[in-house]
C-alpha atoms as a PDB file:
ATOM      1  CA  MET A   1       6.227 -95.897  -3.005  1.00  0.00           C
ATOM      2  CA  HIS A   2       6.724 -92.190  -3.374  1.00  0.00           C
ATOM      3  CA  TYR A   3       9.398 -90.052  -4.391  1.00  0.00           C
ATOM      4  CA  GLY A   4       9.646 -86.251  -4.164  1.00  0.00           C
ATOM      5  CA  TYR A   5       6.794 -85.799  -1.909  1.00  0.00           C
ATOM      6  CA  GLU A   6       4.528 -88.243  -0.094  1.00  0.00           C
ATOM      7  CA  PHE A   7       0.905 -88.682  -1.717  1.00  0.00           C
ATOM      8  CA  LEU A   8      -0.940 -88.560   1.414  1.00  0.00           C
ATOM      9  CA  TYR A   9      -4.148 -91.194   0.451  1.00  0.00           C
ATOM     10  CA  ALA A  10      -6.390 -89.981   3.345  1.00  0.00           C
ATOM     11  CA  SER A  11      -6.501 -86.251   1.704  1.00  0.00           C
ATOM     12  CA  SER A  12      -5.429 -86.957  -1.738  1.00  0.00           C
ATOM     13  CA  ASN A  13      -3.250 -84.534  -1.344  1.00  0.00           C
ATOM     14  CA  VAL A  14       0.702 -83.915  -0.547  1.00  0.00           C
ATOM     15  CA  ASP A  15       2.545 -81.786   2.004  1.00  0.00           C
ATOM     16  CA  PRO A  16       4.344 -79.154  -0.175  1.00  0.00           C
ATOM     17  CA  ASP A  17       6.454 -78.197   2.963  1.00  0.00           C
ATOM     18  CA  SER A  18       7.554 -81.867   3.563  1.00  0.00           C
ATOM     19  CA  PRO A  19       9.857 -82.920   0.654  1.00  0.00           C
ATOM     20  CA  LEU A  20      11.300 -86.608   0.730  1.00  0.00           C
ATOM     21  CA  PRO A  21      14.883 -86.679   0.787  1.00  0.00           C
ATOM     22  CA  GLY A  22      16.443 -87.739  -2.483  1.00  0.00           C
ATOM     23  CA  GLY A  23      13.839 -86.284  -4.892  1.00  0.00           C
ATOM     24  CA  LEU A  24      13.166 -88.215  -7.926  1.00  0.00           C
ATOM     25  CA  PRO A  25      14.951 -91.194  -9.105  1.00  0.00           C
ATOM     26  CA  SER A  26      17.800 -89.793 -11.620  1.00  0.00           C
ATOM     27  CA  VAL A  27      16.900 -92.611 -14.017  1.00  0.00           C
ATOM     28  CA  CYS A  28      13.460 -90.724 -14.348  1.00  0.00           C
ATOM     29  CA  ILE A  29      14.802 -87.040 -15.183  1.00  0.00           C
ATOM     30  CA  PRO A  30      15.846 -87.736 -19.152  1.00  0.00           C
ATOM     31  CA  MET A  31      12.399 -88.890 -19.725  1.00  0.00           C
ATOM     32  CA  LEU A  32      10.900 -86.206 -18.047  1.00  0.00           C
ATOM     33  CA  ARG A  33      13.056 -83.391 -19.796  1.00  0.00           C
ATOM     34  CA  ARG A  34      11.926 -84.715 -23.079  1.00  0.00           C
ATOM     35  CA  ALA A  35       8.172 -84.486 -22.276  1.00  0.00           C
ATOM     36  CA  VAL A  36       8.983 -80.877 -21.160  1.00  0.00           C
ATOM     37  CA  ASP A  37      10.720 -80.361 -24.437  1.00  0.00           C
ATOM     38  CA  SER A  38       8.029 -82.254 -26.404  1.00  0.00           C
ATOM     39  CA  LYS A  39       5.417 -79.983 -24.764  1.00  0.00           C
ATOM     40  CA  LEU A  40       3.346 -82.937 -23.163  1.00  0.00           C
ATOM     41  CA  VAL A  41       3.656 -81.050 -20.123  1.00  0.00           C
ATOM     42  CA  SER A  42       5.062 -77.508 -19.609  1.00  0.00           C
ATOM     43  CA  GLN A  43       7.299 -78.247 -16.349  1.00  0.00           C
ATOM     44  CA  ILE A  44       9.382 -81.113 -14.863  1.00  0.00           C
ATOM     45  CA  PRO A  45       7.178 -83.280 -12.652  1.00  0.00           C
ATOM     46  CA  ASP A  46       8.653 -83.209  -8.912  1.00  0.00           C
ATOM     47  CA  GLN A  47       6.358 -86.097  -7.221  1.00  0.00           C
ATOM     48  CA  LEU A  48       6.272 -89.697  -8.362  1.00  0.00           C
ATOM     49  CA  THR A  49       4.179 -92.337  -6.946  1.00  0.00           C
ATOM     50  CA  VAL A  50       4.850 -95.898  -8.116  1.00  0.00           C
ATOM     51  CA  ASN A  51       1.452 -98.445  -7.682  1.00  0.00           C
ATOM     52  CA  GLU A  52       1.989-102.017  -8.271  1.00  0.00           C
ATOM     53  CA  TYR A  53      -1.499-103.517  -9.115  1.00  0.00           C
ATOM     54  CA  PRO A  54      -2.477-107.257  -9.116  1.00  0.00           C
ATOM     55  CA  PRO A  55      -4.609-108.516 -12.108  1.00  0.00           C
ATOM     56  CA  GLY A  56      -7.928-107.485 -11.375  1.00  0.00           C
ATOM     57  CA  ALA A  57      -7.153-104.618  -9.200  1.00  0.00           C
ATOM     58  CA  GLY A  58      -9.033-101.400 -10.062  1.00  0.00           C
ATOM     59  CA  ILE A  59      -8.795 -97.427  -9.354  1.00  0.00           C
ATOM     60  CA  PRO A  60     -12.012 -95.465  -8.442  1.00  0.00           C
ATOM     61  CA  PRO A  61     -12.749 -92.823 -10.872  1.00  0.00           C
ATOM     62  CA  HIS A  62     -11.344 -89.679  -9.602  1.00  0.00           C
ATOM     63  CA  VAL A  63      -9.806 -86.505 -10.339  1.00  0.00           C
ATOM     64  CA  ASP A  64      -6.509 -85.774  -9.055  1.00  0.00           C
ATOM     65  CA  THR A  65      -6.855 -83.078  -6.493  1.00  0.00           C
ATOM     66  CA  HIS A  66      -6.524 -79.561  -7.920  1.00  0.00           C
ATOM     67  CA  SER A  67      -4.807 -77.808  -5.220  1.00  0.00           C
ATOM     68  CA  ALA A  68      -2.370 -80.677  -4.681  1.00  0.00           C
ATOM     69  CA  PHE A  69      -0.806 -80.675  -8.494  1.00  0.00           C
ATOM     70  CA  ALA A  70      -0.646 -78.320 -11.302  1.00  0.00           C
ATOM     71  CA  ASP A  71      -1.477 -79.294 -14.838  1.00  0.00           C
ATOM     72  CA  GLY A  72       0.231 -81.790 -16.517  1.00  0.00           C
ATOM     73  CA  ILE A  73       0.014 -85.426 -14.935  1.00  0.00           C
ATOM     74  CA  MET A  74       1.669 -87.983 -16.669  1.00  0.00           C
ATOM     75  CA  SER A  75       1.267 -91.858 -15.951  1.00  0.00           C
ATOM     76  CA  LEU A  76       3.756 -94.450 -17.195  1.00  0.00           C
ATOM     77  CA  SER A  77       2.421 -97.890 -17.425  1.00  0.00           C
ATOM     78  CA  LEU A  78       4.711-101.053 -17.246  1.00  0.00           C
ATOM     79  CA  GLY A  79       3.544-104.619 -17.030  1.00  0.00           C
ATOM     80  CA  SER A  80       0.316-105.507 -18.137  1.00  0.00           C
ATOM     81  CA  SER A  81      -1.880-103.465 -20.308  1.00  0.00           C
ATOM     82  CA  VAL A  82      -5.221-102.182 -18.925  1.00  0.00           C
ATOM     83  CA  VAL A  83      -8.178-100.201 -20.270  1.00  0.00           C
ATOM     84  CA  MET A  84      -8.783 -96.660 -18.434  1.00  0.00           C
ATOM     85  CA  GLU A  85     -12.155 -95.425 -18.389  1.00  0.00           C
ATOM     86  CA  PHE A  86     -12.629 -91.345 -18.727  1.00  0.00           C
ATOM     87  CA  ARG A  87     -15.936 -89.715 -17.683  1.00  0.00           C
ATOM     88  CA  HIS A  88     -17.340 -86.706 -18.166  1.00  0.00           C
ATOM     89  CA  PRO A  89     -19.603 -84.653 -16.071  1.00  0.00           C
ATOM     90  CA  ASP A  90     -22.584 -84.762 -18.511  1.00  0.00           C
ATOM     91  CA  GLY A  91     -22.151 -88.733 -18.651  1.00  0.00           C
ATOM     92  CA  ARG A  92     -19.637 -89.664 -21.744  1.00  0.00           C
ATOM     93  CA  ARG A  93     -17.629 -92.279 -21.192  1.00  0.00           C
ATOM     94  CA  VAL A  94     -14.360 -92.989 -23.221  1.00  0.00           C
ATOM     95  CA  PRO A  95     -12.366 -96.228 -22.569  1.00  0.00           C
ATOM     96  CA  VAL A  96      -8.439 -95.796 -23.226  1.00  0.00           C
ATOM     97  CA  PHE A  97      -6.435 -98.989 -23.691  1.00  0.00           C
ATOM     98  CA  LEU A  98      -3.101 -98.267 -21.955  1.00  0.00           C
ATOM     99  CA  GLN A  99      -0.812-100.290 -23.752  1.00  0.00           C
ATOM    100  CA  ARG A 100       2.242-101.775 -21.493  1.00  0.00           C
ATOM    101  CA  ARG A 101       5.139 -98.738 -21.737  1.00  0.00           C
ATOM    102  CA  SER A 102       2.569 -96.264 -22.882  1.00  0.00           C
ATOM    103  CA  LEU A 103       2.706 -92.726 -21.367  1.00  0.00           C
ATOM    104  CA  LEU A 104      -0.474 -91.500 -20.626  1.00  0.00           C
ATOM    105  CA  VAL A 105      -0.676 -87.606 -20.412  1.00  0.00           C
ATOM    106  CA  MET A 106      -3.478 -85.724 -18.724  1.00  0.00           C
ATOM    107  CA  THR A 107      -3.588 -81.985 -19.282  1.00  0.00           C
ATOM    108  CA  GLY A 108      -6.519 -79.218 -19.373  1.00  0.00           C
ATOM    109  CA  GLU A 109     -10.155 -80.682 -19.346  1.00  0.00           C
ATOM    110  CA  SER A 110      -8.787 -84.035 -19.233  1.00  0.00           C
ATOM    111  CA  ARG A 111      -6.825 -83.092 -16.060  1.00  0.00           C
ATOM    112  CA  TYR A 112      -9.436 -81.084 -14.108  1.00  0.00           C
ATOM    113  CA  LEU A 113     -12.449 -82.194 -15.450  1.00  0.00           C
ATOM    114  CA  TRP A 114     -12.938 -85.724 -16.409  1.00  0.00           C
ATOM    115  CA  THR A 115     -12.714 -88.447 -13.965  1.00  0.00           C
ATOM    116  CA  HIS A 116     -10.582 -91.530 -14.807  1.00  0.00           C
ATOM    117  CA  GLY A 117     -10.627 -94.770 -13.359  1.00  0.00           C
ATOM    118  CA  ILE A 118      -9.993 -98.632 -14.016  1.00  0.00           C
ATOM    119  CA  ALA A 119     -12.539-101.451 -13.318  1.00  0.00           C
ATOM    120  CA  THR A 120     -11.952-104.294 -11.210  1.00  0.00           C
ATOM    121  CA  ARG A 121     -11.827-107.202 -13.374  1.00  0.00           C
ATOM    122  CA  LYS A 122      -9.502-109.769 -14.391  1.00  0.00           C
ATOM    123  CA  THR A 123      -9.797-109.632 -18.405  1.00  0.00           C
ATOM    124  CA  ASP A 124     -10.549-106.182 -20.698  1.00  0.00           C
ATOM    125  CA  VAL A 125     -12.358-106.032 -23.802  1.00  0.00           C
ATOM    126  CA  VAL A 126     -10.265-103.855 -26.704  1.00  0.00           C
ATOM    127  CA  LYS A 127     -12.081-102.992 -29.781  1.00  0.00           C
ATOM    128  CA  PRO A 128     -10.814-101.637 -33.001  1.00  0.00           C
ATOM    129  CA  GLY A 129     -11.209 -97.696 -32.719  1.00  0.00           C
ATOM    130  CA  MET A 130     -10.733 -97.281 -29.209  1.00  0.00           C
ATOM    131  CA  PRO A 131      -7.850 -94.996 -28.361  1.00  0.00           C
ATOM    132  CA  GLY A 132      -4.716 -96.523 -27.702  1.00  0.00           C
ATOM    133  CA  PHE A 133      -5.854 -99.621 -29.585  1.00  0.00           C
ATOM    134  CA  PRO A 134      -2.720-100.782 -31.910  1.00  0.00           C
ATOM    135  CA  SER A 135      -3.518-101.176 -35.495  1.00  0.00           C
ATOM    136  CA  PRO A 136      -1.872-103.839 -37.379  1.00  0.00           C
ATOM    137  CA  PRO A 137       0.598-102.668 -40.135  1.00  0.00           C
ATOM    138  CA  ALA A 138      -2.028-103.529 -42.895  1.00  0.00           C
ATOM    139  CA  VAL A 139      -4.655-101.352 -41.213  1.00  0.00           C
ATOM    140  CA  ARG A 140      -1.923 -98.485 -41.089  1.00  0.00           C
ATOM    141  CA  ALA A 141      -1.076 -98.874 -44.470  1.00  0.00           C
ATOM    142  CA  THR A 142      -4.144 -98.814 -46.859  1.00  0.00           C
ATOM    143  CA  SER A 143      -7.436 -96.957 -46.619  1.00  0.00           C
ATOM    144  CA  THR A 144      -9.135 -99.953 -48.046  1.00  0.00           C
ATOM    145  CA  ALA A 145      -8.098-101.730 -44.653  1.00  0.00           C
ATOM    146  CA  LEU A 146      -8.723 -98.623 -42.550  1.00  0.00           C
ATOM    147  CA  SER A 147     -12.224 -98.714 -44.042  1.00  0.00           C
ATOM    148  CA  SER A 148     -12.772-102.599 -42.984  1.00  0.00           C
ATOM    149  CA  ALA A 149     -11.016-102.057 -39.526  1.00  0.00           C
ATOM    150  CA  GLY A 150     -14.625-101.706 -37.713  1.00  0.00           C
ATOM    151  CA  THR A 151     -15.506-105.291 -39.142  1.00  0.00           C
ATOM    152  CA  ARG A 152     -12.713-106.826 -36.884  1.00  0.00           C
ATOM    153  CA  ALA A 153     -13.238-108.369 -33.597  1.00  0.00           C
ATOM    154  CA  ALA A 154     -13.216-107.430 -30.072  1.00  0.00           C
ATOM    155  CA  THR A 155     -10.257-108.987 -28.280  1.00  0.00           C
ATOM    156  CA  VAL A 156     -10.541-110.068 -24.383  1.00  0.00           C
ATOM    157  CA  LEU A 157      -7.462-109.667 -22.799  1.00  0.00           C
ATOM    158  CA  PRO A 158      -6.401-110.996 -19.497  1.00  0.00           C
ATOM    159  CA  ARG A 159      -4.905-108.670 -16.978  1.00  0.00           C
ATOM    160  CA  GLY A 160      -1.246-109.347 -15.474  1.00  0.00           C
ATOM    161  CA  THR A 161       0.536-107.217 -12.796  1.00  0.00           C
ATOM    162  CA  ARG A 162       0.702-103.675 -13.815  1.00  0.00           C
ATOM    163  CA  VAL A 163       3.239-101.322 -12.565  1.00  0.00           C
ATOM    164  CA  SER A 164       2.116 -97.424 -12.958  1.00  0.00           C
ATOM    165  CA  LEU A 165       4.572 -94.428 -12.238  1.00  0.00           C
ATOM    166  CA  THR A 166       2.815 -91.097 -11.944  1.00  0.00           C
ATOM    167  CA  PHE A 167       4.347 -88.062 -12.046  1.00  0.00           C
ATOM    168  CA  ARG A 168       3.017 -84.804 -11.113  1.00  0.00           C
ATOM    169  CA  LYS A 169       3.995 -81.317 -10.378  1.00  0.00           C
ATOM    170  CA  VAL A 170       3.403 -80.166  -6.892  1.00  0.00           C
ATOM    171  CA  GLN A 171       0.936 -76.801  -6.724  1.00  0.00           C
ATOM    172  CA  ARG A 172       2.563 -74.324  -5.041  1.00  0.00           C
ATOM    173  CA  SER A 173      -0.288 -71.539  -5.047  1.00  0.00           C
ATOM    174  CA  PRO A 174      -3.991 -72.048  -5.335  1.00  0.00           C
ATOM    175  CA  CYS A 175      -5.556 -73.485  -8.582  1.00  0.00           C
ATOM    176  CA  SER A 176      -6.979 -71.201 -10.891  1.00  0.00           C
ATOM    177  CA  CYS A 177      -8.361 -73.657 -13.477  1.00  0.00           C
ATOM    178  CA  CYS A 178     -11.379 -72.833 -15.907  1.00  0.00           C
ATOM    179  CA  TYR A 179     -13.005 -75.516 -13.706  1.00  0.00           C
ATOM    180  CA  PRO A 180     -14.343 -73.774 -10.639  1.00  0.00           C
ATOM    181  CA  LEU A 181     -17.193 -76.163  -9.957  1.00  0.00           C
ATOM    182  CA  GLN A 182     -15.022 -79.287 -10.095  1.00  0.00           C
ATOM    183  CA  CYS A 183     -11.949 -77.378  -8.399  1.00  0.00           C
ATOM    184  CA  ASP A 184     -11.546 -77.402  -4.419  1.00  0.00           C
ATOM    185  CA  SER A 185      -9.237 -74.335  -4.538  1.00  0.00           C
ATOM    186  CA  GLN A 186     -12.084 -72.103  -6.147  1.00  0.00           C
ATOM    187  CA  ASP A 187     -14.522 -73.752  -4.362  1.00  0.00           C
ATOM    188  CA  PHE A 188     -12.872 -72.942  -0.830  1.00  0.00           C
ATOM    189  CA  MET A 189     -12.350 -69.398  -2.258  1.00  0.00           C
ATOM    190  CA  ALA A 190     -15.893 -68.809  -3.035  1.00  0.00           C
ATOM    191  CA  ALA A 191     -17.040 -70.365   0.465  1.00  0.00           C
ATOM    192  CA  LYS A 192     -14.418 -68.198   2.132  1.00  0.00           C
ATOM    193  CA  ILE A 193     -15.885 -64.891   0.083  1.00  0.00           C
ATOM    194  CA  ARG A 194     -19.626 -66.110   1.018  1.00  0.00           C
ATOM    195  CA  ASN A 195     -18.686 -66.226   4.769  1.00  0.00           C
ATOM    196  CA  THR A 196     -17.268 -63.078   4.795  1.00  0.00           C
END
């Protein structure tokens, strides 16, 4: 389901000249204003994609198209928790635990350079120290508990149905990010210069 602009899955893009009637749901606006006021993102998104993922569904690793969306992508996870993996071009991998009702914000390098995806599986292994992993109150309260946190066992969590609300700001000019090797705008511009 799309609001503001339809996300075109075949091209991983939007048509900025074809807004959908109605814009974003008004219930989202206070949260989006808080995100801007808190400097999580620099501008209020104008595109929303709502996806429902049944237990076991995944998302292939990807970077949202540079030319389609500005910096600052937010994803609100509802329903089931899940582990999302971020991958750097140099091979580093960072699993992040997305708790239900959590907001993931990707800006800068995490938005433009690292891929993000969710493995297709029915369970996730969540470990102490994993970004997003909730710490019990005792672990948050004492340094002794913090030093022993690494001894706690990993937890296997079954996946349920997850709903993702992904908020983006449609890009109205070519991307000029700091990652030209990953950027479709800058790659296109470089090819155009080479061909003239």
